[in-house]
Every structure is written in structure tokens, then in C-alpha cells.
Amino acid sequence: MLIGSVSALAQAPSAPGKPLPAGTVQPKVKAACTQCHNTERIWEQHLSRQGWSDELDKMTTLGAVVPDADRKGFLDYLTKNFGPGKKAKAAKPAESK
């Protein structure tokens, strides 16, 4: 029984992470993706549409639920908000005194 508990803890997100951008499928993306990790994992990715498609394939094999009827919406949302051109600006380095 201890193994199952450790496995469950390893998959649970530690904190909610940054809020995801608004969108019609945002609640579904959040529900599917944060079952095992927080939203920071999404924000770190800057994938092409094909990259996101491959990522959805990988995640569904690991247990994420992405209904076929929602797949295009997921891809549209992820590509629009987290595509290659959406890299976050680097934080400004702290000024030295």
C-alpha cells in the first residue's frame, strides 16, 4: 500500500502555478493538465502545433483525459497561448549596488 501512496504523491501538483490565459477550453485544459502537474509545466513549453499534438498524445498515454471532440480546441488554445512565438520575457536581473 505504501507504493501506491508514494506514486500518488509524486503525481500530485505541488502548487497551482500561474493562472492560464482565458479561453473557451481553458477550464478543460486546466482540468486535464493539472491532474499530475501544475500550470508552470505548461507555461515552460513553447511548442508548435505538432509539438503540442505530440505532447497531448504522450499525456493521454499517461492518463490525461482529452476527449476527441475537444482535441482541436486544446491544440488551438495551447498553440495560441504557448506556441513558439509566446516565450515569456526573461526576468530583469537584479541591479548590483
PDB file of N, CA and C in Angstrom:
ATOM      1  N   MET A   1       0.823  -1.193   0.000  1.00  0.00           N
ATOM      2  CA  MET A   1       0.000   0.000   0.000  1.00  0.00           C
ATOM      3  C   MET A   1       0.866   1.256   0.000  1.00  0.00           C
ATOM      4  N   LEU A   2       2.018   1.198   0.608  1.00  0.00           N
ATOM      5  CA  LEU A   2       2.908   2.350   0.653  1.00  0.00           C
ATOM      6  C   LEU A   2       3.331   2.777  -0.745  1.00  0.00           C
ATOM      7  N   ILE A   3       3.571   1.840  -1.642  1.00  0.00           N
ATOM      8  CA  ILE A   3       3.984   2.169  -3.004  1.00  0.00           C
ATOM      9  C   ILE A   3       2.915   2.997  -3.701  1.00  0.00           C
ATOM     10  N   GLY A   4       1.651   2.621  -3.585  1.00  0.00           N
ATOM     11  CA  GLY A   4       0.567   3.386  -4.188  1.00  0.00           C
ATOM     12  C   GLY A   4       0.500   4.796  -3.641  1.00  0.00           C
ATOM     13  N   SER A   5       0.746   4.955  -2.342  1.00  0.00           N
ATOM     14  CA  SER A   5       0.712   6.281  -1.729  1.00  0.00           C
ATOM     15  C   SER A   5       1.846   7.146  -2.235  1.00  0.00           C
ATOM     16  N   VAL A   6       3.020   6.581  -2.350  1.00  0.00           N
ATOM     17  CA  VAL A   6       4.165   7.331  -2.845  1.00  0.00           C
ATOM     18  C   VAL A   6       3.930   7.730  -4.299  1.00  0.00           C
ATOM     19  N   SER A   7       3.404   6.823  -5.099  1.00  0.00           N
ATOM     20  CA  SER A   7       3.118   7.114  -6.501  1.00  0.00           C
ATOM     21  C   SER A   7       2.107   8.240  -6.624  1.00  0.00           C
ATOM     22  N   ALA A   8       1.059   8.210  -5.831  1.00  0.00           N
ATOM     23  CA  ALA A   8       0.036   9.255  -5.883  1.00  0.00           C
ATOM     24  C   ALA A   8       0.617  10.603  -5.495  1.00  0.00           C
ATOM     25  N   LEU A   9       1.494  10.611  -4.489  1.00  0.00           N
ATOM     26  CA  LEU A   9       2.098  11.866  -4.063  1.00  0.00           C
ATOM     27  C   LEU A   9       3.028  12.421  -5.131  1.00  0.00           C
ATOM     28  N   ALA A  10       3.734  11.562  -5.824  1.00  0.00           N
ATOM     29  CA  ALA A  10       4.665  12.016  -6.848  1.00  0.00           C
ATOM     30  C   ALA A  10       3.939  12.659  -8.024  1.00  0.00           C
ATOM     31  N   GLN A  11       2.696  12.291  -8.254  1.00  0.00           N
ATOM     32  CA  GLN A  11       1.965  12.815  -9.390  1.00  0.00           C
ATOM     33  C   GLN A  11       1.138  14.048  -9.055  1.00  0.00           C
ATOM     34  N   ALA A  12       0.879  14.296  -7.796  1.00  0.00           N
ATOM     35  CA  ALA A  12       0.034  15.423  -7.419  1.00  0.00           C
ATOM     36  C   ALA A  12       0.794  16.736  -7.598  1.00  0.00           C
ATOM     37  N   PRO A  13       0.166  17.751  -8.198  1.00  0.00           N
ATOM     38  CA  PRO A  13       0.848  19.033  -8.337  1.00  0.00           C
ATOM     39  C   PRO A  13       1.095  19.652  -6.973  1.00  0.00           C
ATOM     40  N   SER A  14       2.258  20.289  -6.819  1.00  0.00           N
ATOM     41  CA  SER A  14       2.619  20.851  -5.528  1.00  0.00           C
ATOM     42  C   SER A  14       1.940  22.188  -5.259  1.00  0.00           C
ATOM     43  N   ALA A  15       1.658  22.945  -6.275  1.00  0.00           N
ATOM     44  CA  ALA A  15       1.019  24.251  -6.132  1.00  0.00           C
ATOM     45  C   ALA A  15       0.285  24.544  -7.432  1.00  0.00           C
ATOM     46  N   PRO A  16      -0.710  25.424  -7.392  1.00  0.00           N
ATOM     47  CA  PRO A  16      -1.490  25.683  -8.598  1.00  0.00           C
ATOM     48  C   PRO A  16      -0.690  26.277  -9.755  1.00  0.00           C
ATOM     49  N   GLY A  17       0.337  27.047  -9.491  1.00  0.00           N
ATOM     50  CA  GLY A  17       1.108  27.669 -10.559  1.00  0.00           C
ATOM     51  C   GLY A  17       0.426  28.915 -11.086  1.00  0.00           C
ATOM     52  N   LYS A  18       0.969  29.458 -12.165  1.00  0.00           N
ATOM     53  CA  LYS A  18       0.423  30.672 -12.773  1.00  0.00           C
ATOM     54  C   LYS A  18      -0.941  30.386 -13.376  1.00  0.00           C
ATOM     55  N   PRO A  19      -1.850  31.342 -13.292  1.00  0.00           N
ATOM     56  CA  PRO A  19      -3.153  31.156 -13.939  1.00  0.00           C
ATOM     57  C   PRO A  19      -2.984  31.043 -15.456  1.00  0.00           C
ATOM     58  N   LEU A  20      -3.809  30.215 -16.053  1.00  0.00           N
ATOM     59  CA  LEU A  20      -3.778  30.067 -17.503  1.00  0.00           C
ATOM     60  C   LEU A  20      -4.577  31.196 -18.154  1.00  0.00           C
ATOM     61  N   PRO A  21      -4.190  31.600 -19.372  1.00  0.00           N
ATOM     62  CA  PRO A  21      -4.940  32.642 -20.074  1.00  0.00           C
ATOM     63  C   PRO A  21      -6.396  32.225 -20.294  1.00  0.00           C
ATOM     64  N   ALA A  22      -7.264  33.196 -20.354  1.00  0.00           N
ATOM     65  CA  ALA A  22      -8.688  32.933 -20.589  1.00  0.00           C
ATOM     66  C   ALA A  22      -8.882  32.306 -21.967  1.00  0.00           C
ATOM     67  N   GLY A  23      -9.939  31.544 -22.088  1.00  0.00           N
ATOM     68  CA  GLY A  23     -10.285  30.912 -23.354  1.00  0.00           C
ATOM     69  C   GLY A  23     -11.429  29.944 -23.132  1.00  0.00           C
ATOM     70  N   THR A  24     -12.117  29.599 -24.193  1.00  0.00           N
ATOM     71  CA  THR A  24     -13.295  28.737 -24.034  1.00  0.00           C
ATOM     72  C   THR A  24     -12.946  27.349 -23.517  1.00  0.00           C
ATOM     73  N   VAL A  25     -11.777  26.824 -23.866  1.00  0.00           N
ATOM     74  CA  VAL A  25     -11.404  25.490 -23.375  1.00  0.00           C
ATOM     75  C   VAL A  25     -10.447  25.550 -22.191  1.00  0.00           C
ATOM     76  N   GLN A  26     -10.139  26.752 -21.708  1.00  0.00           N
ATOM     77  CA  GLN A  26      -9.202  26.881 -20.594  1.00  0.00           C
ATOM     78  C   GLN A  26      -9.568  25.996 -19.408  1.00  0.00           C
ATOM     79  N   PRO A  27     -10.837  25.944 -18.979  1.00  0.00           N
ATOM     80  CA  PRO A  27     -11.158  25.079 -17.841  1.00  0.00           C
ATOM     81  C   PRO A  27     -10.877  23.594 -18.124  1.00  0.00           C
ATOM     82  N   LYS A  28     -11.116  23.168 -19.362  1.00  0.00           N
ATOM     83  CA  LYS A  28     -10.858  21.772 -19.721  1.00  0.00           C
ATOM     84  C   LYS A  28      -9.355  21.486 -19.782  1.00  0.00           C
ATOM     85  N   VAL A  29      -8.599  22.434 -20.335  1.00  0.00           N
ATOM     86  CA  VAL A  29      -7.141  22.278 -20.385  1.00  0.00           C
ATOM     87  C   VAL A  29      -6.603  22.207 -18.964  1.00  0.00           C
ATOM     88  N   LYS A  30      -7.047  23.118 -18.126  1.00  0.00           N
ATOM     89  CA  LYS A  30      -6.591  23.141 -16.736  1.00  0.00           C
ATOM     90  C   LYS A  30      -6.935  21.833 -16.036  1.00  0.00           C
ATOM     91  N   ALA A  31      -8.151  21.358 -16.203  1.00  0.00           N
ATOM     92  CA  ALA A  31      -8.571  20.113 -15.551  1.00  0.00           C
ATOM     93  C   ALA A  31      -7.741  18.927 -16.028  1.00  0.00           C
ATOM     94  N   ALA A  32      -7.512  18.847 -17.340  1.00  0.00           N
ATOM     95  CA  ALA A  32      -6.772  17.712 -17.889  1.00  0.00           C
ATOM     96  C   ALA A  32      -5.297  17.765 -17.513  1.00  0.00           C
ATOM     97  N   CYS A  33      -4.726  18.936 -17.568  1.00  0.00           N
ATOM     98  CA  CYS A  33      -3.279  19.053 -17.408  1.00  0.00           C
ATOM     99  C   CYS A  33      -2.814  19.117 -15.958  1.00  0.00           C
ATOM    100  N   THR A  34      -3.657  19.592 -15.071  1.00  0.00           N
ATOM    101  CA  THR A  34      -3.202  19.741 -13.682  1.00  0.00           C
ATOM    102  C   THR A  34      -3.554  18.543 -12.805  1.00  0.00           C
ATOM    103  N   GLN A  35      -3.958  17.452 -13.404  1.00  0.00           N
ATOM    104  CA  GLN A  35      -4.161  16.230 -12.630  1.00  0.00           C
ATOM    105  C   GLN A  35      -2.827  15.724 -12.090  1.00  0.00           C
ATOM    106  N   CYS A  36      -1.756  15.939 -12.857  1.00  0.00           N
ATOM    107  CA  CYS A  36      -0.445  15.409 -12.470  1.00  0.00           C
ATOM    108  C   CYS A  36       0.634  16.467 -12.281  1.00  0.00           C
ATOM    109  N   HIS A  37       0.438  17.649 -12.796  1.00  0.00           N
ATOM    110  CA  HIS A  37       1.436  18.711 -12.628  1.00  0.00           C
ATOM    111  C   HIS A  37       0.732  20.063 -12.601  1.00  0.00           C
ATOM    112  N   ASN A  38       1.447  21.073 -12.118  1.00  0.00           N
ATOM    113  CA  ASN A  38       0.822  22.391 -12.058  1.00  0.00           C
ATOM    114  C   ASN A  38       0.981  23.122 -13.387  1.00  0.00           C
ATOM    115  N   THR A  39       0.425  24.294 -13.483  1.00  0.00           N
ATOM    116  CA  THR A  39       0.407  25.032 -14.743  1.00  0.00           C
ATOM    117  C   THR A  39       1.781  25.543 -15.161  1.00  0.00           C
ATOM    118  N   GLU A  40       2.741  25.578 -14.250  1.00  0.00           N
ATOM    119  CA  GLU A  40       4.087  26.024 -14.624  1.00  0.00           C
ATOM    120  C   GLU A  40       4.648  25.157 -15.744  1.00  0.00           C
ATOM    121  N   ARG A  41       4.326  23.874 -15.731  1.00  0.00           N
ATOM    122  CA  ARG A  41       4.816  22.961 -16.776  1.00  0.00           C
ATOM    123  C   ARG A  41       4.309  23.402 -18.147  1.00  0.00           C
ATOM    124  N   ILE A  42       3.073  23.907 -18.189  1.00  0.00           N
ATOM    125  CA  ILE A  42       2.519  24.387 -19.460  1.00  0.00           C
ATOM    126  C   ILE A  42       3.221  25.677 -19.874  1.00  0.00           C
ATOM    127  N   TRP A  43       3.368  26.604 -18.928  1.00  0.00           N
ATOM    128  CA  TRP A  43       3.998  27.893 -19.217  1.00  0.00           C
ATOM    129  C   TRP A  43       5.428  27.729 -19.712  1.00  0.00           C
ATOM    130  N   GLU A  44       6.116  26.668 -19.283  1.00  0.00           N
ATOM    131  CA  GLU A  44       7.508  26.435 -19.684  1.00  0.00           C
ATOM    132  C   GLU A  44       7.629  25.966 -21.127  1.00  0.00           C
ATOM    133  N   GLN A  45       6.562  25.434 -21.680  1.00  0.00           N
ATOM    134  CA  GLN A  45       6.585  24.880 -23.031  1.00  0.00           C
ATOM    135  C   GLN A  45       6.285  25.974 -24.056  1.00  0.00           C
ATOM    136  N   HIS A  46       6.937  25.900 -25.179  1.00  0.00           N
ATOM    137  CA  HIS A  46       6.686  26.829 -26.289  1.00  0.00           C
ATOM    138  C   HIS A  46       6.748  26.000 -27.566  1.00  0.00           C
ATOM    139  N   LEU A  47       5.728  25.177 -27.733  1.00  0.00           N
ATOM    140  CA  LEU A  47       5.732  24.174 -28.789  1.00  0.00           C
ATOM    141  C   LEU A  47       4.917  24.610 -30.001  1.00  0.00           C
ATOM    142  N   SER A  48       5.273  24.048 -31.135  1.00  0.00           N
ATOM    143  CA  SER A  48       4.477  24.221 -32.344  1.00  0.00           C
ATOM    144  C   SER A  48       3.182  23.427 -32.177  1.00  0.00           C
ATOM    145  N   ARG A  49       2.269  23.596 -33.100  1.00  0.00           N
ATOM    146  CA  ARG A  49       1.018  22.825 -33.050  1.00  0.00           C
ATOM    147  C   ARG A  49       1.320  21.328 -33.059  1.00  0.00           C
ATOM    148  N   GLN A  50       2.256  20.906 -33.910  1.00  0.00           N
ATOM    149  CA  GLN A  50       2.622  19.488 -33.939  1.00  0.00           C
ATOM    150  C   GLN A  50       3.253  19.059 -32.619  1.00  0.00           C
ATOM    151  N   GLY A  51       4.066  19.933 -32.045  1.00  0.00           N
ATOM    152  CA  GLY A  51       4.671  19.633 -30.744  1.00  0.00           C
ATOM    153  C   GLY A  51       3.617  19.442 -29.666  1.00  0.00           C
ATOM    154  N   TRP A  52       2.605  20.329 -29.658  1.00  0.00           N
ATOM    155  CA  TRP A  52       1.520  20.190 -28.685  1.00  0.00           C
ATOM    156  C   TRP A  52       0.716  18.921 -28.953  1.00  0.00           C
ATOM    157  N   SER A  53       0.525  18.587 -30.215  1.00  0.00           N
ATOM    158  CA  SER A  53      -0.191  17.358 -30.554  1.00  0.00           C
ATOM    159  C   SER A  53       0.555  16.142 -30.013  1.00  0.00           C
ATOM    160  N   ASP A  54       1.867  16.136 -30.219  1.00  0.00           N
ATOM    161  CA  ASP A  54       2.687  15.042 -29.687  1.00  0.00           C
ATOM    162  C   ASP A  54       2.618  14.999 -28.158  1.00  0.00           C
ATOM    163  N   GLU A  55       2.636  16.179 -27.541  1.00  0.00           N
ATOM    164  CA  GLU A  55       2.567  16.254 -26.075  1.00  0.00           C
ATOM    165  C   GLU A  55       1.223  15.725 -25.570  1.00  0.00           C
ATOM    166  N   LEU A  56       0.123  16.086 -26.244  1.00  0.00           N
ATOM    167  CA  LEU A  56      -1.188  15.551 -25.860  1.00  0.00           C
ATOM    168  C   LEU A  56      -1.227  14.042 -26.006  1.00  0.00           C
ATOM    169  N   ASP A  57      -0.640  13.514 -27.080  1.00  0.00           N
ATOM    170  CA  ASP A  57      -0.571  12.064 -27.249  1.00  0.00           C
ATOM    171  C   ASP A  57       0.160  11.421 -26.081  1.00  0.00           C
ATOM    172  N   LYS A  58       1.297  12.002 -25.721  1.00  0.00           N
ATOM    173  CA  LYS A  58       2.094  11.471 -24.604  1.00  0.00           C
ATOM    174  C   LYS A  58       1.309  11.528 -23.301  1.00  0.00           C
ATOM    175  N   MET A  59       0.687  12.670 -23.049  1.00  0.00           N
ATOM    176  CA  MET A  59      -0.039  12.832 -21.785  1.00  0.00           C
ATOM    177  C   MET A  59      -1.252  11.899 -21.694  1.00  0.00           C
ATOM    178  N   THR A  60      -1.926  11.672 -22.809  1.00  0.00           N
ATOM    179  CA  THR A  60      -3.078  10.760 -22.755  1.00  0.00           C
ATOM    180  C   THR A  60      -2.624   9.330 -22.496  1.00  0.00           C
ATOM    181  N   THR A  61      -1.438   8.952 -22.963  1.00  0.00           N
ATOM    182  CA  THR A  61      -0.942   7.609 -22.640  1.00  0.00           C
ATOM    183  C   THR A  61      -0.597   7.497 -21.159  1.00  0.00           C
ATOM    184  N   LEU A  62      -0.349   8.639 -20.526  1.00  0.00           N
ATOM    185  CA  LEU A  62      -0.047   8.655 -19.089  1.00  0.00           C
ATOM    186  C   LEU A  62      -1.287   8.867 -18.220  1.00  0.00           C
ATOM    187  N   GLY A  63      -2.455   9.001 -18.871  1.00  0.00           N
ATOM    188  CA  GLY A  63      -3.690   9.080 -18.106  1.00  0.00           C
ATOM    189  C   GLY A  63      -4.482  10.366 -18.218  1.00  0.00           C
ATOM    190  N   ALA A  64      -3.946  11.383 -18.882  1.00  0.00           N
ATOM    191  CA  ALA A  64      -4.715  12.621 -19.054  1.00  0.00           C
ATOM    192  C   ALA A  64      -5.933  12.333 -19.931  1.00  0.00           C
ATOM    193  N   VAL A  65      -7.024  13.014 -19.623  1.00  0.00           N
ATOM    194  CA  VAL A  65      -8.258  12.825 -20.391  1.00  0.00           C
ATOM    195  C   VAL A  65      -8.452  14.017 -21.314  1.00  0.00           C
ATOM    196  N   VAL A  66      -8.327  13.758 -22.616  1.00  0.00           N
ATOM    197  CA  VAL A  66      -8.552  14.771 -23.642  1.00  0.00           C
ATOM    198  C   VAL A  66      -9.547  14.161 -24.626  1.00  0.00           C
ATOM    199  N   PRO A  67     -10.826  14.485 -24.456  1.00  0.00           N
ATOM    200  CA  PRO A  67     -11.834  13.913 -25.357  1.00  0.00           C
ATOM    201  C   PRO A  67     -11.544  14.278 -26.815  1.00  0.00           C
ATOM    202  N   ASP A  68     -11.791  13.340 -27.718  1.00  0.00           N
ATOM    203  CA  ASP A  68     -11.564  13.589 -29.145  1.00  0.00           C
ATOM    204  C   ASP A  68     -12.271  14.855 -29.613  1.00  0.00           C
ATOM    205  N   ALA A  69     -13.476  15.101 -29.105  1.00  0.00           N
ATOM    206  CA  ALA A  69     -14.250  16.278 -29.509  1.00  0.00           C
ATOM    207  C   ALA A  69     -13.576  17.586 -29.086  1.00  0.00           C
ATOM    208  N   ASP A  70     -12.700  17.530 -28.085  1.00  0.00           N
ATOM    209  CA  ASP A  70     -12.029  18.735 -27.583  1.00  0.00           C
ATOM    210  C   ASP A  70     -10.597  18.881 -28.065  1.00  0.00           C
ATOM    211  N   ARG A  71     -10.074  17.883 -28.730  1.00  0.00           N
ATOM    212  CA  ARG A  71      -8.658  17.897 -29.103  1.00  0.00           C
ATOM    213  C   ARG A  71      -8.284  19.127 -29.933  1.00  0.00           C
ATOM    214  N   LYS A  72      -9.068  19.463 -30.951  1.00  0.00           N
ATOM    215  CA  LYS A  72      -8.765  20.644 -31.776  1.00  0.00           C
ATOM    216  C   LYS A  72      -8.776  21.904 -30.926  1.00  0.00           C
ATOM    217  N   GLY A  73      -9.742  22.025 -30.025  1.00  0.00           N
ATOM    218  CA  GLY A  73      -9.807  23.181 -29.131  1.00  0.00           C
ATOM    219  C   GLY A  73      -8.584  23.267 -28.228  1.00  0.00           C
ATOM    220  N   PHE A  74      -8.147  22.125 -27.698  1.00  0.00           N
ATOM    221  CA  PHE A  74      -6.935  22.088 -26.878  1.00  0.00           C
ATOM    222  C   PHE A  74      -5.743  22.581 -27.699  1.00  0.00           C
ATOM    223  N   LEU A  75      -5.598  22.038 -28.912  1.00  0.00           N
ATOM    224  CA  LEU A  75      -4.464  22.420 -29.757  1.00  0.00           C
ATOM    225  C   LEU A  75      -4.505  23.899 -30.128  1.00  0.00           C
ATOM    226  N   ASP A  76      -5.697  24.409 -30.460  1.00  0.00           N
ATOM    227  CA  ASP A  76      -5.835  25.835 -30.779  1.00  0.00           C
ATOM    228  C   ASP A  76      -5.408  26.689 -29.585  1.00  0.00           C
ATOM    229  N   TYR A  77      -5.916  26.347 -28.413  1.00  0.00           N
ATOM    230  CA  TYR A  77      -5.633  27.103 -27.191  1.00  0.00           C
ATOM    231  C   TYR A  77      -4.141  27.053 -26.838  1.00  0.00           C
ATOM    232  N   LEU A  78      -3.580  25.846 -26.826  1.00  0.00           N
ATOM    233  CA  LEU A  78      -2.178  25.696 -26.439  1.00  0.00           C
ATOM    234  C   LEU A  78      -1.240  26.369 -27.432  1.00  0.00           C
ATOM    235  N   THR A  79      -1.526  26.237 -28.720  1.00  0.00           N
ATOM    236  CA  THR A  79      -0.674  26.852 -29.735  1.00  0.00           C
ATOM    237  C   THR A  79      -0.771  28.376 -29.682  1.00  0.00           C
ATOM    238  N   LYS A  80      -1.985  28.885 -29.513  1.00  0.00           N
ATOM    239  CA  LYS A  80      -2.174  30.342 -29.448  1.00  0.00           C
ATOM    240  C   LYS A  80      -1.461  30.938 -28.233  1.00  0.00           C
ATOM    241  N   ASN A  81      -1.607  30.301 -27.086  1.00  0.00           N
ATOM    242  CA  ASN A  81      -1.094  30.877 -25.841  1.00  0.00           C
ATOM    243  C   ASN A  81       0.309  30.423 -25.459  1.00  0.00           C
ATOM    244  N   PHE A  82       0.733  29.273 -25.963  1.00  0.00           N
ATOM    245  CA  PHE A  82       2.026  28.714 -25.559  1.00  0.00           C
ATOM    246  C   PHE A  82       2.791  28.179 -26.764  1.00  0.00           C
ATOM    247  N   GLY A  83       2.632  28.846 -27.900  1.00  0.00           N
ATOM    248  CA  GLY A  83       3.350  28.461 -29.112  1.00  0.00           C
ATOM    249  C   GLY A  83       4.769  29.005 -29.113  1.00  0.00           C
ATOM    250  N   PRO A  84       5.526  28.719 -30.167  1.00  0.00           N
ATOM    251  CA  PRO A  84       6.926  29.147 -30.240  1.00  0.00           C
ATOM    252  C   PRO A  84       7.119  30.659 -30.110  1.00  0.00           C
ATOM    253  N   GLY A  85       6.170  31.451 -30.581  1.00  0.00           N
ATOM    254  CA  GLY A  85       6.301  32.906 -30.505  1.00  0.00           C
ATOM    255  C   GLY A  85       5.852  33.497 -29.183  1.00  0.00           C
ATOM    256  N   LYS A  86       5.468  32.665 -28.232  1.00  0.00           N
ATOM    257  CA  LYS A  86       4.929  33.159 -26.963  1.00  0.00           C
ATOM    258  C   LYS A  86       5.886  32.972 -25.793  1.00  0.00           C
ATOM    259  N   LYS A  87       7.172  32.930 -26.062  1.00  0.00           N
ATOM    260  CA  LYS A  87       8.131  32.740 -24.974  1.00  0.00           C
ATOM    261  C   LYS A  87       8.058  33.920 -24.017  1.00  0.00           C
ATOM    262  N   ALA A  88       8.058  33.600 -22.742  1.00  0.00           N
ATOM    263  CA  ALA A  88       7.996  34.643 -21.718  1.00  0.00           C
ATOM    264  C   ALA A  88       9.279  35.458 -21.750  1.00  0.00           C
ATOM    265  N   LYS A  89       9.145  36.729 -21.508  1.00  0.00           N
ATOM    266  CA  LYS A  89      10.319  37.589 -21.439  1.00  0.00           C
ATOM    267  C   LYS A  89      11.115  37.213 -20.198  1.00  0.00           C
ATOM    268  N   ALA A  90      12.413  37.206 -20.351  1.00  0.00           N
ATOM    269  CA  ALA A  90      13.283  36.882 -19.225  1.00  0.00           C
ATOM    270  C   ALA A  90      13.151  37.958 -18.163  1.00  0.00           C
ATOM    271  N   ALA A  91      13.213  37.545 -16.925  1.00  0.00           N
ATOM    272  CA  ALA A  91      13.133  38.494 -15.818  1.00  0.00           C
ATOM    273  C   ALA A  91      14.370  39.380 -15.844  1.00  0.00           C
ATOM    274  N   LYS A  92      14.196  40.626 -15.488  1.00  0.00           N
ATOM    275  CA  LYS A  92      15.325  41.542 -15.440  1.00  0.00           C
ATOM    276  C   LYS A  92      16.254  41.117 -14.313  1.00  0.00           C
ATOM    277  N   PRO A  93      17.570  41.120 -14.570  1.00  0.00           N
ATOM    278  CA  PRO A  93      18.498  40.757 -13.496  1.00  0.00           C
ATOM    279  C   PRO A  93      18.497  41.833 -12.424  1.00  0.00           C
ATOM    280  N   ALA A  94      18.741  41.436 -11.201  1.00  0.00           N
ATOM    281  CA  ALA A  94      18.780  42.387 -10.091  1.00  0.00           C
ATOM    282  C   ALA A  94      19.961  43.328 -10.274  1.00  0.00           C
ATOM    283  N   GLU A  95      19.718  44.589  -9.964  1.00  0.00           N
ATOM    284  CA  GLU A  95      20.798  45.565 -10.088  1.00  0.00           C
ATOM    285  C   GLU A  95      21.763  45.394  -8.936  1.00  0.00           C
ATOM    286  N   SER A  96      23.050  45.487  -9.247  1.00  0.00           N
ATOM    287  CA  SER A  96      24.049  45.404  -8.175  1.00  0.00           C
ATOM    288  C   SER A  96      24.234  46.773  -7.551  1.00  0.00           C
ATOM    289  N   LYS A  97      24.565  46.784  -6.275  1.00  0.00           N
ATOM    290  CA  LYS A  97      24.716  48.051  -5.558  1.00  0.00           C
ATOM    291  C   LYS A  97      26.142  48.495  -5.519  1.00  0.00           C
TER     292      LYS A  97
END
